[in-house]
Amino acid sequence: MILLAALCIVVVATAIVVTRGTTDDGPALVSEADGSTSATLGSVDAKEYRSAYFGSVCVSGPGKVTIRSIAPIDPQGGLKVTDFSVVTRRDDAALLGASNGRLRDEPSFQGGHTVTTTCPGEPYAELFVEVYKPGLADTGAHEFTITYDSDGDTRSTKLRFGFGLCTSNTCDVA
């Protein structure tokens, strides 16, 4: 009985050491957005979509991350993220800007959901997001949560980038 108990303790202790020794946190998603950047698109009616550049992203070390979702934090006016895309580019081929309509209708904004660019490095991985304005009120958010997978773990990070969709050319929601 004592021998069996001692054997169980050794097995459990070995399992803990092996698990801790082989656990790799994997790379983290990193964004260049630090809260000092925002974009406001004016003349957006109710029930309209806009697709826009949200900044460069990269991974903190070798490997890849796959973005699962992007959601506004405390959105005003019901802002929704309805699609997103990671586009890899070379330094000499900037992909910036915004487009009226859906992400799927803008060929230069189309890509996948995986980020493999290691920070800092090239080629750059650019994040494009499709947002939706559900009603007449101006809508926006100051931060977004990005949920992603890295080495089998689901993680999240904040994208500190203000974005607004406004009825007029000026509003204060981003």
C-alpha atoms as a PDB file:
ATOM      1  CA  MET A   1       0.000   0.000   0.000  1.00  0.00           C
ATOM      2  CA  ILE A   2       2.785   2.416   0.939  1.00  0.00           C
ATOM      3  CA  LEU A   3       4.686   1.391  -2.189  1.00  0.00           C
ATOM      4  CA  LEU A   4       1.591   2.025  -4.327  1.00  0.00           C
ATOM      5  CA  ALA A   5       1.086   5.463  -2.747  1.00  0.00           C
ATOM      6  CA  ALA A   6       4.767   6.342  -3.305  1.00  0.00           C
ATOM      7  CA  LEU A   7       4.515   5.186  -6.934  1.00  0.00           C
ATOM      8  CA  CYS A   8       1.438   7.382  -7.471  1.00  0.00           C
ATOM      9  CA  ILE A   9       3.272  10.406  -6.030  1.00  0.00           C
ATOM     10  CA  VAL A  10       6.252   9.792  -8.337  1.00  0.00           C
ATOM     11  CA  VAL A  11       3.974   9.441 -11.396  1.00  0.00           C
ATOM     12  CA  VAL A  12       2.072  12.647 -10.556  1.00  0.00           C
ATOM     13  CA  ALA A  13       5.287  14.579  -9.825  1.00  0.00           C
ATOM     14  CA  THR A  14       6.836  13.350 -13.078  1.00  0.00           C
ATOM     15  CA  ALA A  15       3.720  14.337 -15.028  1.00  0.00           C
ATOM     16  CA  ILE A  16       3.833  17.840 -13.533  1.00  0.00           C
ATOM     17  CA  VAL A  17       7.531  18.277 -14.370  1.00  0.00           C
ATOM     18  CA  VAL A  18       7.088  16.919 -17.904  1.00  0.00           C
ATOM     19  CA  THR A  19       4.018  19.109 -18.508  1.00  0.00           C
ATOM     20  CA  ARG A  20       5.758  22.247 -17.244  1.00  0.00           C
ATOM     21  CA  GLY A  21       8.919  21.417 -19.116  1.00  0.00           C
ATOM     22  CA  THR A  22       7.171  20.915 -22.444  1.00  0.00           C
ATOM     23  CA  THR A  23       4.612  23.701 -22.268  1.00  0.00           C
ATOM     24  CA  ASP A  24       5.429  26.418 -24.789  1.00  0.00           C
ATOM     25  CA  ASP A  25       3.356  29.571 -24.640  1.00  0.00           C
ATOM     26  CA  GLY A  26       3.884  30.200 -28.346  1.00  0.00           C
ATOM     27  CA  PRO A  27       4.074  33.582 -29.995  1.00  0.00           C
ATOM     28  CA  ALA A  28       1.813  36.469 -29.025  1.00  0.00           C
ATOM     29  CA  LEU A  29       0.020  38.786 -31.443  1.00  0.00           C
ATOM     30  CA  VAL A  30       1.473  42.298 -31.388  1.00  0.00           C
ATOM     31  CA  SER A  31      -0.112  45.437 -32.853  1.00  0.00           C
ATOM     32  CA  GLU A  32       1.518  48.755 -33.623  1.00  0.00           C
ATOM     33  CA  ALA A  33      -1.636  50.583 -32.499  1.00  0.00           C
ATOM     34  CA  ASP A  34      -0.976  52.360 -29.214  1.00  0.00           C
ATOM     35  CA  GLY A  35      -4.131  54.412 -28.771  1.00  0.00           C
ATOM     36  CA  SER A  36      -2.786  57.495 -30.488  1.00  0.00           C
ATOM     37  CA  THR A  37      -4.407  56.623 -33.805  1.00  0.00           C
ATOM     38  CA  SER A  38      -8.027  56.867 -34.844  1.00  0.00           C
ATOM     39  CA  ALA A  39     -10.012  57.060 -38.032  1.00  0.00           C
ATOM     40  CA  THR A  40     -13.441  58.508 -38.635  1.00  0.00           C
ATOM     41  CA  LEU A  41     -15.364  57.897 -41.835  1.00  0.00           C
ATOM     42  CA  GLY A  42     -18.113  60.403 -42.546  1.00  0.00           C
ATOM     43  CA  SER A  43     -21.243  60.307 -44.713  1.00  0.00           C
ATOM     44  CA  VAL A  44     -22.107  56.771 -43.649  1.00  0.00           C
ATOM     45  CA  ASP A  45     -25.818  55.986 -43.679  1.00  0.00           C
ATOM     46  CA  ALA A  46     -27.640  53.417 -41.559  1.00  0.00           C
ATOM     47  CA  LYS A  47     -27.085  49.749 -42.426  1.00  0.00           C
ATOM     48  CA  GLU A  48     -23.839  50.397 -44.297  1.00  0.00           C
ATOM     49  CA  TYR A  49     -20.514  48.573 -44.257  1.00  0.00           C
ATOM     50  CA  ARG A  50     -17.029  50.061 -44.457  1.00  0.00           C
ATOM     51  CA  SER A  51     -13.710  48.247 -44.796  1.00  0.00           C
ATOM     52  CA  ALA A  52     -10.568  49.907 -43.516  1.00  0.00           C
ATOM     53  CA  TYR A  53      -6.915  49.459 -42.663  1.00  0.00           C
ATOM     54  CA  PHE A  54      -6.469  48.922 -38.909  1.00  0.00           C
ATOM     55  CA  GLY A  55      -2.668  48.771 -38.729  1.00  0.00           C
ATOM     56  CA  SER A  56       0.276  46.407 -38.880  1.00  0.00           C
ATOM     57  CA  VAL A  57       0.394  43.242 -36.781  1.00  0.00           C
ATOM     58  CA  CYS A  58       3.120  40.684 -36.146  1.00  0.00           C
ATOM     59  CA  VAL A  59       3.990  37.781 -33.834  1.00  0.00           C
ATOM     60  CA  SER A  60       6.396  38.067 -30.887  1.00  0.00           C
ATOM     61  CA  GLY A  61       8.508  35.083 -31.910  1.00  0.00           C
ATOM     62  CA  PRO A  62       8.800  32.250 -34.403  1.00  0.00           C
ATOM     63  CA  GLY A  63       5.518  30.599 -35.285  1.00  0.00           C
ATOM     64  CA  LYS A  64       2.100  31.834 -36.230  1.00  0.00           C
ATOM     65  CA  VAL A  65      -1.161  33.008 -34.739  1.00  0.00           C
ATOM     66  CA  THR A  66      -4.615  32.685 -36.228  1.00  0.00           C
ATOM     67  CA  ILE A  67      -7.095  35.449 -35.493  1.00  0.00           C
ATOM     68  CA  ARG A  68     -10.521  34.080 -34.535  1.00  0.00           C
ATOM     69  CA  SER A  69     -12.464  37.286 -33.943  1.00  0.00           C
ATOM     70  CA  ILE A  70     -12.280  41.041 -33.516  1.00  0.00           C
ATOM     71  CA  ALA A  71     -14.864  42.866 -31.407  1.00  0.00           C
ATOM     72  CA  PRO A  72     -15.264  46.502 -30.341  1.00  0.00           C
ATOM     73  CA  ILE A  73     -14.898  47.242 -26.624  1.00  0.00           C
ATOM     74  CA  ASP A  74     -17.793  49.408 -25.335  1.00  0.00           C
ATOM     75  CA  PRO A  75     -19.016  50.387 -28.804  1.00  0.00           C
ATOM     76  CA  GLN A  76     -21.121  53.497 -29.219  1.00  0.00           C
ATOM     77  CA  GLY A  77     -24.142  53.326 -31.494  1.00  0.00           C
ATOM     78  CA  GLY A  78     -23.945  49.568 -32.046  1.00  0.00           C
ATOM     79  CA  LEU A  79     -20.744  49.360 -34.116  1.00  0.00           C
ATOM     80  CA  LYS A  80     -20.063  45.771 -35.206  1.00  0.00           C
ATOM     81  CA  VAL A  81     -17.048  44.080 -36.766  1.00  0.00           C
ATOM     82  CA  THR A  82     -18.439  41.781 -39.454  1.00  0.00           C
ATOM     83  CA  ASP A  83     -15.241  40.565 -41.141  1.00  0.00           C
ATOM     84  CA  PHE A  84     -11.462  40.938 -41.048  1.00  0.00           C
ATOM     85  CA  SER A  85      -8.446  40.010 -43.105  1.00  0.00           C
ATOM     86  CA  VAL A  86      -4.661  39.834 -42.714  1.00  0.00           C
ATOM     87  CA  VAL A  87      -2.797  40.842 -45.859  1.00  0.00           C
ATOM     88  CA  THR A  88       0.944  40.288 -46.120  1.00  0.00           C
ATOM     89  CA  ARG A  89       2.836  42.916 -48.073  1.00  0.00           C
ATOM     90  CA  ARG A  90       6.355  43.970 -48.847  1.00  0.00           C
ATOM     91  CA  ASP A  91       7.587  47.309 -47.531  1.00  0.00           C
ATOM     92  CA  ASP A  92       7.318  48.932 -50.965  1.00  0.00           C
ATOM     93  CA  ALA A  93       3.667  47.995 -51.503  1.00  0.00           C
ATOM     94  CA  ALA A  94       1.665  49.917 -48.891  1.00  0.00           C
ATOM     95  CA  LEU A  95      -1.950  48.840 -48.474  1.00  0.00           C
ATOM     96  CA  LEU A  96      -3.619  51.656 -46.596  1.00  0.00           C
ATOM     97  CA  GLY A  97      -6.999  53.307 -46.693  1.00  0.00           C
ATOM     98  CA  ALA A  98     -10.677  52.572 -46.504  1.00  0.00           C
ATOM     99  CA  SER A  99     -13.339  51.368 -48.871  1.00  0.00           C
ATOM    100  CA  ASN A 100     -17.093  51.813 -49.012  1.00  0.00           C
ATOM    101  CA  GLY A 101     -18.708  48.424 -48.746  1.00  0.00           C
ATOM    102  CA  ARG A 102     -17.706  44.883 -47.952  1.00  0.00           C
ATOM    103  CA  LEU A 103     -14.214  43.533 -47.431  1.00  0.00           C
ATOM    104  CA  ARG A 104     -14.896  40.706 -49.870  1.00  0.00           C
ATOM    105  CA  ASP A 105     -15.481  43.307 -52.626  1.00  0.00           C
ATOM    106  CA  GLU A 106     -12.046  44.944 -52.216  1.00  0.00           C
ATOM    107  CA  PRO A 107      -9.418  42.632 -53.769  1.00  0.00           C
ATOM    108  CA  SER A 108      -6.399  44.415 -52.250  1.00  0.00           C
ATOM    109  CA  PHE A 109      -7.865  44.026 -48.726  1.00  0.00           C
ATOM    110  CA  GLN A 110      -8.456  40.266 -49.031  1.00  0.00           C
ATOM    111  CA  GLY A 111      -6.229  37.785 -47.237  1.00  0.00           C
ATOM    112  CA  GLY A 112      -6.449  35.167 -44.529  1.00  0.00           C
ATOM    113  CA  HIS A 113      -6.659  35.114 -40.745  1.00  0.00           C
ATOM    114  CA  THR A 114      -3.110  33.935 -40.003  1.00  0.00           C
ATOM    115  CA  VAL A 115      -0.152  36.135 -38.991  1.00  0.00           C
ATOM    116  CA  THR A 116       3.366  34.727 -39.495  1.00  0.00           C
ATOM    117  CA  THR A 117       5.486  37.908 -39.665  1.00  0.00           C
ATOM    118  CA  THR A 118       7.873  38.025 -36.690  1.00  0.00           C
ATOM    119  CA  CYS A 119       8.322  41.407 -34.978  1.00  0.00           C
ATOM    120  CA  PRO A 120      10.035  43.482 -36.194  1.00  0.00           C
ATOM    121  CA  GLY A 121      10.289  42.253 -39.702  1.00  0.00           C
ATOM    122  CA  GLU A 122       9.179  42.064 -43.249  1.00  0.00           C
ATOM    123  CA  PRO A 123       6.996  41.329 -45.008  1.00  0.00           C
ATOM    124  CA  TYR A 124       4.505  43.335 -42.988  1.00  0.00           C
ATOM    125  CA  ALA A 125       1.149  41.865 -42.013  1.00  0.00           C
ATOM    126  CA  GLU A 126      -1.616  44.428 -42.401  1.00  0.00           C
ATOM    127  CA  LEU A 127      -4.950  44.060 -40.629  1.00  0.00           C
ATOM    128  CA  PHE A 128      -8.112  45.153 -42.453  1.00  0.00           C
ATOM    129  CA  VAL A 129     -11.476  45.163 -40.710  1.00  0.00           C
ATOM    130  CA  GLU A 130     -15.027  45.413 -42.034  1.00  0.00           C
ATOM    131  CA  VAL A 131     -17.355  47.356 -39.737  1.00  0.00           C
ATOM    132  CA  TYR A 132     -21.113  47.876 -39.817  1.00  0.00           C
ATOM    133  CA  LYS A 133     -23.241  50.849 -38.795  1.00  0.00           C
ATOM    134  CA  PRO A 134     -26.665  49.434 -37.833  1.00  0.00           C
ATOM    135  CA  GLY A 135     -28.653  52.629 -37.325  1.00  0.00           C
ATOM    136  CA  LEU A 136     -28.784  56.366 -37.872  1.00  0.00           C
ATOM    137  CA  ALA A 137     -26.697  57.253 -34.812  1.00  0.00           C
ATOM    138  CA  ASP A 138     -22.964  57.829 -35.145  1.00  0.00           C
ATOM    139  CA  THR A 139     -21.138  54.662 -34.141  1.00  0.00           C
ATOM    140  CA  GLY A 140     -17.603  53.847 -33.047  1.00  0.00           C
ATOM    141  CA  ALA A 141     -15.189  52.424 -30.499  1.00  0.00           C
ATOM    142  CA  HIS A 142     -11.846  53.402 -28.979  1.00  0.00           C
ATOM    143  CA  GLU A 143     -10.507  49.856 -28.553  1.00  0.00           C
ATOM    144  CA  PHE A 144     -11.046  46.387 -29.960  1.00  0.00           C
ATOM    145  CA  THR A 145     -10.415  42.901 -28.579  1.00  0.00           C
ATOM    146  CA  ILE A 146      -8.628  40.486 -30.880  1.00  0.00           C
ATOM    147  CA  THR A 147      -9.063  36.809 -29.982  1.00  0.00           C
ATOM    148  CA  TYR A 148      -6.524  34.461 -31.538  1.00  0.00           C
ATOM    149  CA  ASP A 149      -5.040  30.978 -31.355  1.00  0.00           C
ATOM    150  CA  SER A 150      -1.334  30.393 -30.681  1.00  0.00           C
ATOM    151  CA  ASP A 151       0.090  26.881 -30.297  1.00  0.00           C
ATOM    152  CA  GLY A 152      -3.312  25.470 -29.390  1.00  0.00           C
ATOM    153  CA  ASP A 153      -4.102  28.149 -26.789  1.00  0.00           C
ATOM    154  CA  THR A 154      -6.781  30.805 -27.239  1.00  0.00           C
ATOM    155  CA  ARG A 155      -5.637  34.263 -26.188  1.00  0.00           C
ATOM    156  CA  SER A 156      -6.742  37.844 -26.580  1.00  0.00           C
ATOM    157  CA  THR A 157      -5.161  41.258 -26.834  1.00  0.00           C
ATOM    158  CA  LYS A 158      -6.436  44.806 -27.154  1.00  0.00           C
ATOM    159  CA  LEU A 159      -6.096  46.789 -30.338  1.00  0.00           C
ATOM    160  CA  ARG A 160      -5.937  50.400 -29.189  1.00  0.00           C
ATOM    161  CA  PHE A 161      -7.233  52.055 -32.337  1.00  0.00           C
ATOM    162  CA  GLY A 162     -10.262  54.346 -32.417  1.00  0.00           C
ATOM    163  CA  PHE A 163     -12.689  53.982 -35.302  1.00  0.00           C
ATOM    164  CA  GLY A 164     -15.944  55.732 -36.092  1.00  0.00           C
ATOM    165  CA  LEU A 165     -18.701  55.677 -38.694  1.00  0.00           C
ATOM    166  CA  CYS A 166     -20.550  58.976 -38.775  1.00  0.00           C
ATOM    167  CA  THR A 167     -23.510  60.469 -40.568  1.00  0.00           C
ATOM    168  CA  SER A 168     -21.698  63.778 -41.112  1.00  0.00           C
ATOM    169  CA  ASN A 169     -18.031  64.356 -41.879  1.00  0.00           C
ATOM    170  CA  THR A 170     -17.324  65.196 -38.244  1.00  0.00           C
ATOM    171  CA  CYS A 171     -18.225  63.328 -35.088  1.00  0.00           C
ATOM    172  CA  ASP A 172     -16.578  62.290 -31.852  1.00  0.00           C
ATOM    173  CA  VAL A 173     -17.009  58.522 -31.469  1.00  0.00           C
ATOM    174  CA  ALA A 174     -13.488  57.287 -32.221  1.00  0.00           C
END
